[in-house]
């Protein structure tokens, strides 16, 4: 797999719970929803989004990606009475002390203006005088059941920040993120290249890497 990654999950394999029946994707972000639907589709699980169910967005008051993913998944599971799958992810820039991190979406403001958010990152990098442009994306995934059982997985992908941003595919900070071992940003990669799973894709993105672990633990083989 190109680029470094670190990952973790929460329990011994024998203790994992399988996902069966309908699954709520606990996001109101259309970009994340599209990626998560693509990842789950090959497993034949019937999915519905939190937005389609009219579920409210909980206050993401956690101090880590994992905590925020758990907040979203458990809130959706309790409100819907169904297992719920949530992601919390973001960009961590080394020279900015790991910012924007869990506040990645917040930096884009209420209008979700990621062009402005990317400009903010570049301005802060220039102001810092630090030539280090290393960064990584983190994805924490959580599946929660109405009875309180949870499964958690986390992964990352390392790279550097390109400027100006390149590409119009993907979403968020994708156009300025150049994953290690590649010459194109996430914004220049199509969906299959960015998060397609083997054998069709390389499972490159942080979300795909975390999902591979989730699938091994909680989903029936394809």
N, C-alpha and C. Protein backbone atom coordinates (compact mmCIF):
# COMPACT_ATOMS: atom_id res chain seq x y z
N UNK A 1 0.85 -1.19 0.00
CA UNK A 1 0.00 0.00 0.00
C UNK A 1 0.88 1.23 0.00
N UNK A 2 0.66 2.16 -0.93
CA UNK A 2 1.49 3.34 -1.00
C UNK A 2 1.21 4.25 0.17
N UNK A 3 2.27 4.87 0.69
CA UNK A 3 2.09 5.81 1.79
C UNK A 3 2.00 5.09 3.12
N UNK A 4 2.42 5.77 4.16
CA UNK A 4 2.37 5.15 5.48
C UNK A 4 0.97 5.16 6.04
N UNK A 5 0.70 4.22 6.91
CA UNK A 5 -0.59 4.25 7.59
C UNK A 5 -0.49 3.53 8.92
N UNK A 6 -1.30 3.97 9.83
CA UNK A 6 -1.39 3.33 11.13
C UNK A 6 -2.85 3.03 11.38
N UNK A 7 -3.12 1.95 12.05
CA UNK A 7 -4.51 1.58 12.24
C UNK A 7 -4.68 0.85 13.55
N UNK A 8 -5.92 0.81 14.00
CA UNK A 8 -6.20 0.11 15.24
C UNK A 8 -7.66 -0.28 15.28
N UNK A 9 -7.98 -1.29 16.07
CA UNK A 9 -9.38 -1.61 16.32
C UNK A 9 -9.53 -1.99 17.78
N UNK A 10 -10.77 -2.16 18.19
CA UNK A 10 -11.04 -2.11 19.62
C UNK A 10 -11.10 -3.43 20.37
N UNK A 11 -11.13 -4.56 19.70
CA UNK A 11 -11.31 -5.78 20.48
C UNK A 11 -10.82 -7.00 19.73
N UNK A 12 -10.75 -8.11 20.42
CA UNK A 12 -10.34 -9.36 19.82
C UNK A 12 -11.35 -9.78 18.76
N UNK A 13 -10.84 -10.43 17.69
CA UNK A 13 -11.70 -10.80 16.57
C UNK A 13 -12.91 -11.61 17.02
N UNK A 14 -12.72 -12.50 17.99
CA UNK A 14 -13.80 -13.38 18.42
C UNK A 14 -14.97 -12.61 19.02
N UNK A 15 -14.72 -11.38 19.44
CA UNK A 15 -15.75 -10.60 20.09
C UNK A 15 -16.49 -9.65 19.15
N UNK A 16 -16.07 -9.58 17.90
CA UNK A 16 -16.70 -8.67 16.97
C UNK A 16 -18.14 -9.09 16.66
N UNK A 17 -18.98 -8.11 16.42
CA UNK A 17 -20.37 -8.37 16.06
C UNK A 17 -20.56 -8.11 14.57
N UNK A 18 -21.27 -9.00 13.91
CA UNK A 18 -21.52 -8.84 12.48
C UNK A 18 -22.69 -7.89 12.23
N UNK A 19 -22.59 -7.17 11.14
CA UNK A 19 -23.67 -6.27 10.73
C UNK A 19 -24.66 -7.07 9.90
N UNK A 20 -25.92 -7.01 10.27
CA UNK A 20 -26.97 -7.72 9.53
C UNK A 20 -28.18 -6.82 9.39
N UNK A 21 -28.90 -6.96 8.28
CA UNK A 21 -30.09 -6.15 8.07
C UNK A 21 -29.75 -4.74 7.63
N UNK A 22 -30.59 -3.80 7.98
CA UNK A 22 -30.42 -2.41 7.55
C UNK A 22 -29.40 -1.68 8.42
N UNK A 23 -28.63 -0.78 7.79
CA UNK A 23 -27.60 -0.01 8.47
C UNK A 23 -27.80 1.47 8.17
N UNK A 24 -27.76 2.29 9.21
CA UNK A 24 -27.85 3.73 9.04
C UNK A 24 -26.45 4.30 8.84
N UNK A 25 -26.26 5.08 7.81
CA UNK A 25 -25.00 5.82 7.64
C UNK A 25 -25.20 7.18 8.30
N UNK A 26 -24.53 7.38 9.42
CA UNK A 26 -24.78 8.55 10.25
C UNK A 26 -23.97 9.76 9.78
N UNK A 27 -24.36 10.30 8.64
CA UNK A 27 -23.73 11.51 8.15
C UNK A 27 -24.75 12.33 7.39
N UNK A 28 -24.53 13.65 7.39
CA UNK A 28 -25.32 14.57 6.57
C UNK A 28 -24.42 15.19 5.50
N UNK A 29 -23.18 14.71 5.42
CA UNK A 29 -22.20 15.22 4.45
C UNK A 29 -22.34 14.41 3.17
N UNK A 30 -22.75 15.04 2.06
CA UNK A 30 -22.98 14.27 0.83
C UNK A 30 -21.74 13.61 0.28
N UNK A 31 -20.57 14.22 0.46
CA UNK A 31 -19.33 13.61 -0.01
C UNK A 31 -18.99 12.35 0.76
N UNK A 32 -19.09 12.44 2.08
CA UNK A 32 -18.83 11.26 2.91
C UNK A 32 -19.87 10.18 2.64
N UNK A 33 -21.14 10.59 2.48
CA UNK A 33 -22.20 9.62 2.24
C UNK A 33 -21.92 8.82 0.98
N UNK A 34 -21.50 9.52 -0.09
CA UNK A 34 -21.22 8.84 -1.36
C UNK A 34 -20.09 7.82 -1.18
N UNK A 35 -19.01 8.22 -0.48
CA UNK A 35 -17.89 7.30 -0.28
C UNK A 35 -18.30 6.11 0.57
N UNK A 36 -19.06 6.36 1.62
CA UNK A 36 -19.45 5.27 2.52
C UNK A 36 -20.41 4.31 1.85
N UNK A 37 -21.32 4.84 1.02
CA UNK A 37 -22.21 3.96 0.24
C UNK A 37 -21.39 3.09 -0.71
N UNK A 38 -20.39 3.69 -1.36
CA UNK A 38 -19.54 2.94 -2.29
C UNK A 38 -18.81 1.81 -1.57
N UNK A 39 -18.31 2.09 -0.37
CA UNK A 39 -17.56 1.08 0.38
C UNK A 39 -18.45 -0.08 0.82
N UNK A 40 -19.67 0.24 1.24
CA UNK A 40 -20.57 -0.78 1.77
C UNK A 40 -21.28 -1.58 0.68
N UNK A 41 -21.49 -0.96 -0.47
CA UNK A 41 -22.30 -1.56 -1.54
C UNK A 41 -21.95 -3.01 -1.87
N UNK A 42 -20.66 -3.38 -2.00
CA UNK A 42 -20.35 -4.76 -2.39
C UNK A 42 -20.78 -5.82 -1.37
N UNK A 43 -21.12 -5.41 -0.16
CA UNK A 43 -21.45 -6.38 0.89
C UNK A 43 -22.94 -6.68 0.99
N UNK A 44 -23.74 -6.04 0.15
CA UNK A 44 -25.16 -6.36 0.11
C UNK A 44 -25.95 -5.89 1.31
N UNK A 45 -25.41 -4.93 2.06
CA UNK A 45 -26.12 -4.40 3.23
C UNK A 45 -27.07 -3.29 2.78
N UNK A 46 -28.28 -3.31 3.27
CA UNK A 46 -29.27 -2.28 2.95
C UNK A 46 -28.97 -1.05 3.80
N UNK A 47 -28.66 0.08 3.15
CA UNK A 47 -28.27 1.27 3.91
C UNK A 47 -29.25 2.41 3.70
N UNK A 48 -29.36 3.26 4.72
CA UNK A 48 -30.15 4.47 4.66
C UNK A 48 -29.36 5.54 5.40
N UNK A 49 -29.41 6.78 4.94
CA UNK A 49 -28.63 7.82 5.60
C UNK A 49 -29.41 8.48 6.72
N UNK A 50 -28.67 9.09 7.65
CA UNK A 50 -29.30 9.83 8.73
C UNK A 50 -30.15 10.97 8.18
N UNK A 51 -29.67 11.57 7.09
CA UNK A 51 -30.43 12.65 6.47
C UNK A 51 -31.76 12.17 5.92
N UNK A 52 -31.75 11.00 5.28
CA UNK A 52 -32.97 10.44 4.71
C UNK A 52 -33.99 10.10 5.80
N UNK A 53 -33.49 9.75 6.99
CA UNK A 53 -34.39 9.43 8.10
C UNK A 53 -34.80 10.67 8.88
N UNK A 54 -34.22 11.82 8.52
CA UNK A 54 -34.55 13.05 9.22
C UNK A 54 -33.97 13.12 10.62
N UNK A 55 -32.88 12.39 10.87
CA UNK A 55 -32.26 12.40 12.20
C UNK A 55 -31.47 13.68 12.41
N UNK A 56 -31.51 14.25 13.60
CA UNK A 56 -30.75 15.47 13.86
C UNK A 56 -29.25 15.17 13.93
N UNK A 57 -28.45 16.19 13.66
CA UNK A 57 -27.00 16.04 13.79
C UNK A 57 -26.61 16.30 15.24
N UNK A 58 -25.96 15.35 15.90
CA UNK A 58 -25.58 15.56 17.29
C UNK A 58 -24.43 16.55 17.41
N UNK A 59 -24.26 17.11 18.58
CA UNK A 59 -23.14 18.01 18.85
C UNK A 59 -21.87 17.18 18.98
N UNK A 60 -20.93 17.41 18.08
CA UNK A 60 -19.67 16.66 18.09
C UNK A 60 -18.72 17.29 19.10
N UNK A 61 -18.90 16.92 20.36
CA UNK A 61 -18.16 17.55 21.45
C UNK A 61 -16.94 16.74 21.88
N UNK A 62 -16.59 15.71 21.13
CA UNK A 62 -15.46 14.87 21.49
C UNK A 62 -14.14 15.58 21.30
N UNK A 63 -13.08 15.02 21.89
CA UNK A 63 -11.75 15.60 21.77
C UNK A 63 -10.85 14.79 20.84
N UNK A 64 -11.43 13.79 20.17
CA UNK A 64 -10.67 12.98 19.22
C UNK A 64 -11.60 12.54 18.09
N UNK A 65 -11.00 12.10 16.99
CA UNK A 65 -11.81 11.58 15.88
C UNK A 65 -12.65 10.41 16.36
N UNK A 66 -12.05 9.54 17.16
CA UNK A 66 -12.75 8.35 17.62
C UNK A 66 -13.96 8.72 18.47
N UNK A 67 -13.80 9.67 19.37
CA UNK A 67 -14.93 10.08 20.21
C UNK A 67 -16.06 10.66 19.38
N UNK A 68 -15.73 11.49 18.40
CA UNK A 68 -16.77 12.11 17.58
C UNK A 68 -17.49 11.09 16.71
N UNK A 69 -16.76 10.10 16.19
CA UNK A 69 -17.41 9.04 15.41
C UNK A 69 -18.37 8.27 16.30
N UNK A 70 -17.95 8.01 17.53
CA UNK A 70 -18.81 7.27 18.47
C UNK A 70 -20.08 8.08 18.80
N UNK A 71 -19.93 9.39 19.00
CA UNK A 71 -21.08 10.25 19.30
C UNK A 71 -22.10 10.17 18.17
N UNK A 72 -21.63 10.27 16.93
CA UNK A 72 -22.54 10.26 15.78
C UNK A 72 -23.21 8.89 15.60
N UNK A 73 -22.43 7.82 15.74
CA UNK A 73 -22.97 6.48 15.53
C UNK A 73 -23.98 6.11 16.62
N UNK A 74 -23.65 6.39 17.89
CA UNK A 74 -24.56 6.02 18.96
C UNK A 74 -25.84 6.85 18.93
N UNK A 75 -25.73 8.12 18.56
CA UNK A 75 -26.93 8.96 18.48
C UNK A 75 -27.87 8.44 17.39
N UNK A 76 -27.31 8.06 16.24
CA UNK A 76 -28.14 7.56 15.14
C UNK A 76 -28.74 6.21 15.48
N UNK A 77 -27.98 5.35 16.16
CA UNK A 77 -28.49 4.03 16.53
C UNK A 77 -29.66 4.15 17.51
N UNK A 78 -29.51 5.02 18.50
CA UNK A 78 -30.59 5.20 19.47
C UNK A 78 -31.83 5.82 18.84
N UNK A 79 -31.62 6.78 17.94
CA UNK A 79 -32.76 7.47 17.33
C UNK A 79 -33.50 6.61 16.32
N UNK A 80 -32.78 5.71 15.65
CA UNK A 80 -33.38 4.91 14.59
C UNK A 80 -33.76 3.50 15.01
N UNK A 81 -33.14 3.00 16.10
CA UNK A 81 -33.36 1.62 16.50
C UNK A 81 -32.65 0.63 15.60
N UNK A 82 -31.68 1.12 14.82
CA UNK A 82 -30.92 0.29 13.88
C UNK A 82 -29.43 0.45 14.13
N UNK A 83 -28.61 -0.51 13.69
CA UNK A 83 -27.17 -0.30 13.75
C UNK A 83 -26.81 0.93 12.92
N UNK A 84 -25.82 1.69 13.36
CA UNK A 84 -25.44 2.92 12.65
C UNK A 84 -23.93 2.98 12.49
N UNK A 85 -23.52 3.48 11.35
CA UNK A 85 -22.12 3.54 10.94
C UNK A 85 -21.74 5.01 10.76
N UNK A 86 -20.70 5.46 11.47
CA UNK A 86 -20.29 6.85 11.39
C UNK A 86 -18.79 6.95 11.18
N UNK A 87 -18.40 8.04 10.55
CA UNK A 87 -17.00 8.36 10.33
C UNK A 87 -16.72 9.73 10.92
N UNK A 88 -15.56 9.90 11.53
CA UNK A 88 -15.07 11.24 11.81
C UNK A 88 -13.67 11.29 11.27
N UNK A 89 -13.41 12.27 10.46
CA UNK A 89 -12.13 12.31 9.79
C UNK A 89 -11.68 13.75 9.60
N UNK A 90 -10.41 13.91 9.30
CA UNK A 90 -9.91 15.25 9.09
C UNK A 90 -8.45 15.26 8.71
N UNK A 91 -7.96 16.45 8.47
CA UNK A 91 -6.60 16.68 8.03
C UNK A 91 -5.77 17.23 9.18
N UNK A 92 -4.62 16.63 9.40
CA UNK A 92 -3.70 17.10 10.45
C UNK A 92 -2.40 17.55 9.78
N UNK A 93 -2.04 18.80 9.98
CA UNK A 93 -0.86 19.39 9.35
C UNK A 93 0.25 19.50 10.38
N UNK A 94 1.39 18.88 10.09
CA UNK A 94 2.48 18.82 11.07
C UNK A 94 2.91 20.20 11.55
N UNK A 95 3.15 21.11 10.60
CA UNK A 95 3.68 22.43 10.96
C UNK A 95 2.67 23.29 11.71
N UNK A 96 1.42 22.87 11.71
CA UNK A 96 0.37 23.61 12.42
C UNK A 96 -0.02 22.89 13.70
N UNK A 97 0.86 22.02 14.19
CA UNK A 97 0.59 21.33 15.44
C UNK A 97 -0.57 20.35 15.36
N UNK A 98 -0.82 19.81 14.16
CA UNK A 98 -1.91 18.85 13.98
C UNK A 98 -3.24 19.49 13.59
N UNK A 99 -3.29 20.81 13.51
CA UNK A 99 -4.50 21.50 13.06
C UNK A 99 -4.67 21.31 11.55
N UNK A 100 -5.91 21.39 11.05
CA UNK A 100 -7.16 21.62 11.77
C UNK A 100 -7.70 20.40 12.54
N UNK A 101 -7.21 19.20 12.25
CA UNK A 101 -7.57 18.03 13.04
C UNK A 101 -9.06 17.81 13.15
N UNK A 102 -9.55 17.64 14.38
CA UNK A 102 -10.98 17.36 14.57
C UNK A 102 -11.85 18.56 14.20
N UNK A 103 -11.21 19.71 13.98
CA UNK A 103 -11.97 20.91 13.58
C UNK A 103 -11.91 21.14 12.07
N UNK A 104 -11.54 20.11 11.29
CA UNK A 104 -11.37 20.26 9.85
C UNK A 104 -12.62 20.81 9.18
N UNK A 105 -13.79 20.28 9.51
CA UNK A 105 -15.02 20.77 8.89
C UNK A 105 -15.33 22.19 9.36
N UNK A 106 -15.03 22.47 10.64
CA UNK A 106 -15.32 23.78 11.21
C UNK A 106 -14.54 24.88 10.50
N UNK A 107 -13.33 24.58 10.06
CA UNK A 107 -12.51 25.59 9.37
C UNK A 107 -13.16 26.04 8.06
N UNK A 108 -14.06 25.22 7.52
CA UNK A 108 -14.74 25.59 6.28
C UNK A 108 -15.95 26.48 6.53
N UNK A 109 -16.33 26.65 7.80
CA UNK A 109 -17.42 27.55 8.15
C UNK A 109 -18.79 26.96 7.83
N UNK A 110 -19.84 27.71 8.18
CA UNK A 110 -21.21 27.24 7.93
C UNK A 110 -21.51 26.98 6.46
N UNK A 111 -20.82 27.69 5.58
CA UNK A 111 -21.04 27.53 4.14
C UNK A 111 -20.28 26.34 3.56
N UNK A 112 -19.51 25.64 4.40
CA UNK A 112 -18.70 24.50 3.94
C UNK A 112 -17.78 24.91 2.78
N UNK A 113 -17.15 26.06 2.93
CA UNK A 113 -16.28 26.61 1.90
C UNK A 113 -14.86 26.08 2.09
N UNK A 114 -14.58 24.94 1.47
CA UNK A 114 -13.27 24.33 1.66
C UNK A 114 -12.19 25.00 0.84
N UNK A 115 -12.57 25.76 -0.19
CA UNK A 115 -11.56 26.55 -0.90
C UNK A 115 -10.98 27.58 0.06
N UNK A 116 -11.86 28.21 0.84
CA UNK A 116 -11.40 29.18 1.84
C UNK A 116 -10.60 28.49 2.93
N UNK A 117 -11.03 27.28 3.34
CA UNK A 117 -10.31 26.55 4.39
C UNK A 117 -8.92 26.17 3.92
N UNK A 118 -8.79 25.74 2.67
CA UNK A 118 -7.46 25.41 2.13
C UNK A 118 -6.58 26.65 2.06
N UNK A 119 -7.17 27.79 1.71
CA UNK A 119 -6.41 29.04 1.68
C UNK A 119 -5.94 29.41 3.09
N UNK A 120 -6.79 29.18 4.09
CA UNK A 120 -6.42 29.45 5.47
C UNK A 120 -5.21 28.62 5.88
N UNK A 121 -5.22 27.34 5.52
CA UNK A 121 -4.09 26.47 5.84
C UNK A 121 -2.82 26.99 5.17
N UNK A 122 -2.92 27.33 3.89
CA UNK A 122 -1.74 27.83 3.18
C UNK A 122 -1.24 29.13 3.79
N UNK A 123 -2.15 30.02 4.14
CA UNK A 123 -1.75 31.30 4.76
C UNK A 123 -1.02 31.05 6.09
N UNK A 124 -1.55 30.12 6.89
CA UNK A 124 -0.92 29.82 8.17
C UNK A 124 0.45 29.17 7.98
N UNK A 125 0.58 28.32 6.96
CA UNK A 125 1.87 27.71 6.68
C UNK A 125 2.89 28.77 6.27
N UNK A 126 2.46 29.68 5.41
CA UNK A 126 3.37 30.74 4.97
C UNK A 126 3.77 31.63 6.14
N UNK A 127 2.81 31.93 7.00
CA UNK A 127 3.08 32.80 8.15
C UNK A 127 4.00 32.13 9.16
N UNK A 128 3.94 30.80 9.22
CA UNK A 128 4.77 30.07 10.19
C UNK A 128 6.24 30.09 9.82
N UNK A 129 6.52 30.22 8.52
CA UNK A 129 7.90 30.17 8.06
C UNK A 129 8.49 28.77 8.09
N UNK A 130 7.69 27.79 8.43
CA UNK A 130 8.16 26.40 8.50
C UNK A 130 8.01 25.77 7.11
N UNK A 131 9.10 25.29 6.51
CA UNK A 131 9.00 24.69 5.17
C UNK A 131 8.37 23.30 5.16
N UNK A 132 8.13 22.73 6.34
CA UNK A 132 7.55 21.39 6.43
C UNK A 132 6.11 21.40 5.96
N UNK A 133 5.81 20.63 4.90
CA UNK A 133 4.45 20.56 4.35
C UNK A 133 3.84 19.17 4.55
N UNK A 134 4.38 18.41 5.50
CA UNK A 134 3.86 17.09 5.77
C UNK A 134 2.50 17.18 6.45
N UNK A 135 1.63 16.24 6.11
CA UNK A 135 0.28 16.19 6.69
C UNK A 135 -0.25 14.77 6.58
N UNK A 136 -1.31 14.49 7.29
CA UNK A 136 -1.96 13.19 7.14
C UNK A 136 -3.46 13.33 7.37
N UNK A 137 -4.20 12.48 6.69
CA UNK A 137 -5.63 12.36 6.92
C UNK A 137 -5.87 11.22 7.91
N UNK A 138 -6.82 11.40 8.80
CA UNK A 138 -7.21 10.36 9.75
C UNK A 138 -8.69 10.06 9.56
N UNK A 139 -9.05 8.79 9.64
CA UNK A 139 -10.46 8.39 9.62
C UNK A 139 -10.71 7.44 10.78
N UNK A 140 -11.66 7.80 11.61
CA UNK A 140 -12.12 6.92 12.68
C UNK A 140 -13.53 6.46 12.32
N UNK A 141 -13.75 5.16 12.29
CA UNK A 141 -15.06 4.59 11.97
C UNK A 141 -15.64 3.94 13.22
N UNK A 142 -16.93 4.10 13.38
CA UNK A 142 -17.62 3.46 14.50
C UNK A 142 -18.93 2.86 14.01
N UNK A 143 -19.21 1.63 14.41
CA UNK A 143 -20.52 1.03 14.21
C UNK A 143 -21.13 0.85 15.60
N UNK A 144 -22.32 1.38 15.80
CA UNK A 144 -23.00 1.29 17.09
C UNK A 144 -24.35 0.61 16.92
N UNK A 145 -24.72 -0.19 17.90
CA UNK A 145 -26.01 -0.86 17.92
C UNK A 145 -26.90 -0.20 18.98
N UNK A 146 -28.22 -0.32 18.83
CA UNK A 146 -29.13 0.29 19.81
C UNK A 146 -28.93 -0.20 21.24
N UNK A 147 -28.37 -1.41 21.40
CA UNK A 147 -28.17 -1.93 22.75
C UNK A 147 -26.87 -1.43 23.39
N UNK A 148 -26.15 -0.57 22.68
CA UNK A 148 -24.93 0.01 23.24
C UNK A 148 -23.63 -0.62 22.79
N UNK A 149 -23.69 -1.73 22.07
CA UNK A 149 -22.46 -2.36 21.57
C UNK A 149 -21.83 -1.47 20.50
N UNK A 150 -20.50 -1.33 20.53
CA UNK A 150 -19.82 -0.54 19.51
C UNK A 150 -18.60 -1.29 18.99
N UNK A 151 -18.27 -0.98 17.75
CA UNK A 151 -17.04 -1.45 17.11
C UNK A 151 -16.34 -0.22 16.55
N UNK A 152 -15.02 -0.10 16.77
CA UNK A 152 -14.29 1.09 16.35
C UNK A 152 -13.01 0.73 15.62
N UNK A 153 -12.69 1.52 14.59
CA UNK A 153 -11.53 1.27 13.75
C UNK A 153 -10.95 2.63 13.34
N UNK A 154 -9.63 2.70 13.19
CA UNK A 154 -9.01 3.97 12.84
C UNK A 154 -7.81 3.73 11.93
N UNK A 155 -7.64 4.61 10.94
CA UNK A 155 -6.50 4.50 10.03
C UNK A 155 -6.11 5.89 9.53
N UNK A 156 -4.95 5.97 8.90
CA UNK A 156 -4.46 7.25 8.39
C UNK A 156 -3.73 7.03 7.07
N UNK A 157 -3.57 8.12 6.33
CA UNK A 157 -2.74 8.12 5.13
C UNK A 157 -1.88 9.37 5.18
N UNK A 158 -0.59 9.20 4.92
CA UNK A 158 0.37 10.28 5.02
C UNK A 158 0.66 10.89 3.66
N UNK A 159 1.04 12.16 3.68
CA UNK A 159 1.37 12.83 2.43
C UNK A 159 1.91 14.22 2.66
N UNK A 160 1.87 15.03 1.61
CA UNK A 160 2.31 16.42 1.67
C UNK A 160 1.21 17.31 1.11
N UNK A 161 1.31 18.60 1.41
CA UNK A 161 0.31 19.55 0.94
C UNK A 161 0.79 20.26 -0.32
N UNK A 162 -0.01 20.18 -1.37
CA UNK A 162 0.30 20.84 -2.64
C UNK A 162 -0.33 22.23 -2.66
N UNK A 163 0.29 23.13 -3.40
CA UNK A 163 -0.31 24.44 -3.60
C UNK A 163 0.10 24.97 -4.96
N UNK A 164 -0.84 25.48 -5.77
CA UNK A 164 -2.27 25.60 -5.48
C UNK A 164 -2.98 24.24 -5.50
N UNK A 165 -4.20 24.18 -4.95
CA UNK A 165 -4.96 22.93 -4.98
C UNK A 165 -5.15 22.44 -6.41
N UNK A 166 -5.23 21.12 -6.57
CA UNK A 166 -5.37 20.55 -7.91
C UNK A 166 -6.50 19.51 -7.92
N UNK A 167 -7.38 19.63 -8.93
CA UNK A 167 -8.43 18.63 -9.12
C UNK A 167 -9.75 19.05 -8.51
N UNK A 168 -10.81 18.52 -9.10
CA UNK A 168 -12.17 18.87 -8.67
C UNK A 168 -12.95 17.64 -8.19
N UNK A 169 -12.28 16.50 -8.09
CA UNK A 169 -12.96 15.31 -7.59
C UNK A 169 -12.78 15.23 -6.07
N UNK A 170 -13.46 14.29 -5.45
CA UNK A 170 -13.37 14.19 -4.00
C UNK A 170 -14.12 15.34 -3.34
N UNK A 171 -13.71 15.68 -2.12
CA UNK A 171 -14.37 16.75 -1.39
C UNK A 171 -13.43 17.23 -0.29
N UNK A 172 -13.82 18.27 0.41
CA UNK A 172 -13.01 18.76 1.52
C UNK A 172 -11.63 19.22 1.08
N UNK A 173 -10.62 18.74 1.77
CA UNK A 173 -9.24 19.16 1.53
C UNK A 173 -8.54 18.31 0.47
N UNK A 174 -9.27 17.43 -0.20
CA UNK A 174 -8.67 16.51 -1.17
C UNK A 174 -7.78 17.20 -2.22
N UNK A 175 -8.17 18.37 -2.76
CA UNK A 175 -7.36 18.97 -3.83
C UNK A 175 -5.96 19.42 -3.40
N UNK A 176 -5.70 19.55 -2.10
CA UNK A 176 -4.37 19.98 -1.69
C UNK A 176 -3.56 18.85 -1.05
N UNK A 177 -4.13 17.63 -1.00
CA UNK A 177 -3.44 16.53 -0.34
C UNK A 177 -2.84 15.58 -1.37
N UNK A 178 -1.52 15.45 -1.31
CA UNK A 178 -0.78 14.58 -2.22
C UNK A 178 -0.28 13.37 -1.43
N UNK A 179 -0.94 12.20 -1.57
CA UNK A 179 -0.53 11.03 -0.78
C UNK A 179 0.85 10.54 -1.18
N UNK A 180 1.59 10.06 -0.20
CA UNK A 180 2.93 9.55 -0.46
C UNK A 180 2.91 8.50 -1.56
N UNK A 181 3.91 8.58 -2.44
CA UNK A 181 4.04 7.60 -3.51
C UNK A 181 3.22 7.90 -4.74
N UNK A 182 2.52 9.04 -4.75
CA UNK A 182 1.66 9.40 -5.87
C UNK A 182 1.99 10.80 -6.39
N UNK A 183 1.67 11.04 -7.65
CA UNK A 183 1.96 12.34 -8.26
C UNK A 183 0.71 13.19 -8.45
N UNK A 184 -0.46 12.64 -8.06
CA UNK A 184 -1.72 13.38 -8.16
C UNK A 184 -2.36 13.50 -6.80
N UNK A 185 -3.05 14.61 -6.60
CA UNK A 185 -3.75 14.82 -5.33
C UNK A 185 -5.00 13.95 -5.28
N UNK A 186 -5.57 13.83 -4.07
CA UNK A 186 -6.85 13.13 -3.95
C UNK A 186 -7.90 13.81 -4.83
N UNK A 187 -7.80 15.11 -5.01
CA UNK A 187 -8.75 15.84 -5.85
C UNK A 187 -8.64 15.51 -7.32
N UNK A 188 -7.52 14.92 -7.71
CA UNK A 188 -7.33 14.52 -9.12
C UNK A 188 -7.61 13.04 -9.35
N UNK A 189 -7.92 12.30 -8.29
CA UNK A 189 -8.18 10.86 -8.42
C UNK A 189 -9.67 10.59 -8.47
N UNK A 190 -10.06 9.61 -9.31
CA UNK A 190 -11.47 9.24 -9.32
C UNK A 190 -11.77 8.39 -8.09
N UNK A 191 -13.05 8.13 -7.88
CA UNK A 191 -13.48 7.44 -6.66
C UNK A 191 -12.84 6.06 -6.53
N UNK A 192 -12.73 5.35 -7.63
CA UNK A 192 -12.16 4.00 -7.59
C UNK A 192 -10.70 4.03 -7.15
N UNK A 193 -9.95 5.01 -7.65
CA UNK A 193 -8.54 5.09 -7.30
C UNK A 193 -8.35 5.54 -5.85
N UNK A 194 -9.20 6.45 -5.40
CA UNK A 194 -9.04 6.99 -4.05
C UNK A 194 -9.47 6.00 -2.97
N UNK A 195 -10.66 5.42 -3.12
CA UNK A 195 -11.14 4.56 -2.04
C UNK A 195 -11.66 3.21 -2.49
N UNK A 196 -11.40 2.84 -3.76
CA UNK A 196 -11.79 1.51 -4.21
C UNK A 196 -11.00 0.45 -3.45
N UNK A 197 -11.68 -0.64 -3.12
CA UNK A 197 -11.04 -1.71 -2.35
C UNK A 197 -10.51 -2.80 -3.27
N UNK A 198 -9.51 -3.53 -2.81
CA UNK A 198 -9.00 -4.65 -3.61
C UNK A 198 -10.13 -5.62 -3.94
N UNK A 199 -10.12 -6.26 -5.11
CA UNK A 199 -9.02 -6.22 -6.09
C UNK A 199 -9.11 -5.07 -7.08
N UNK A 200 -10.21 -4.34 -7.10
CA UNK A 200 -10.36 -3.27 -8.10
C UNK A 200 -9.48 -2.07 -7.79
N UNK A 201 -9.41 -1.70 -6.52
CA UNK A 201 -8.62 -0.55 -6.13
C UNK A 201 -7.56 -0.94 -5.11
N UNK A 202 -6.84 0.06 -4.62
CA UNK A 202 -5.73 -0.21 -3.69
C UNK A 202 -6.06 0.17 -2.25
N UNK A 203 -7.31 0.58 -2.00
CA UNK A 203 -7.66 0.97 -0.65
C UNK A 203 -6.75 2.07 -0.14
N UNK A 204 -6.57 3.11 -0.96
CA UNK A 204 -5.57 4.14 -0.68
C UNK A 204 -5.97 5.09 0.44
N UNK A 205 -7.20 5.55 0.45
CA UNK A 205 -7.58 6.61 1.38
C UNK A 205 -7.64 6.14 2.83
N UNK A 206 -7.59 7.09 3.74
CA UNK A 206 -7.71 6.82 5.16
C UNK A 206 -9.03 6.11 5.47
N UNK A 207 -10.11 6.54 4.81
CA UNK A 207 -11.42 5.93 5.06
C UNK A 207 -11.45 4.50 4.54
N UNK A 208 -10.86 4.26 3.37
CA UNK A 208 -10.82 2.91 2.82
C UNK A 208 -10.00 1.98 3.71
N UNK A 209 -8.90 2.48 4.22
CA UNK A 209 -8.03 1.65 5.07
C UNK A 209 -8.74 1.24 6.36
N UNK A 210 -9.46 2.20 6.96
CA UNK A 210 -10.21 1.87 8.16
C UNK A 210 -11.35 0.92 7.83
N UNK A 211 -11.96 1.12 6.66
CA UNK A 211 -13.09 0.29 6.29
C UNK A 211 -12.67 -1.17 6.04
N UNK A 212 -11.47 -1.38 5.52
CA UNK A 212 -10.99 -2.75 5.32
C UNK A 212 -11.00 -3.51 6.64
N UNK A 213 -10.56 -2.85 7.70
CA UNK A 213 -10.57 -3.49 9.03
C UNK A 213 -12.00 -3.73 9.51
N UNK A 214 -12.87 -2.75 9.31
CA UNK A 214 -14.26 -2.90 9.71
C UNK A 214 -14.91 -4.07 8.97
N UNK A 215 -14.65 -4.15 7.66
CA UNK A 215 -15.26 -5.22 6.85
C UNK A 215 -14.80 -6.59 7.32
N UNK A 216 -13.51 -6.71 7.63
CA UNK A 216 -12.99 -8.00 8.09
C UNK A 216 -13.65 -8.42 9.40
N UNK A 217 -13.96 -7.45 10.25
CA UNK A 217 -14.50 -7.75 11.57
C UNK A 217 -16.01 -7.90 11.60
N UNK A 218 -16.69 -7.08 10.79
CA UNK A 218 -18.16 -6.94 10.97
C UNK A 218 -19.01 -7.25 9.76
N UNK A 219 -18.41 -7.48 8.60
CA UNK A 219 -19.21 -7.73 7.40
C UNK A 219 -18.91 -9.09 6.83
N UNK A 220 -19.90 -9.71 6.24
CA UNK A 220 -19.68 -11.01 5.59
C UNK A 220 -18.88 -10.81 4.32
N UNK A 221 -18.04 -11.76 4.00
CA UNK A 221 -17.16 -11.67 2.82
C UNK A 221 -17.96 -11.47 1.56
N UNK A 222 -17.32 -10.78 0.60
CA UNK A 222 -17.99 -10.48 -0.66
C UNK A 222 -17.94 -11.68 -1.59
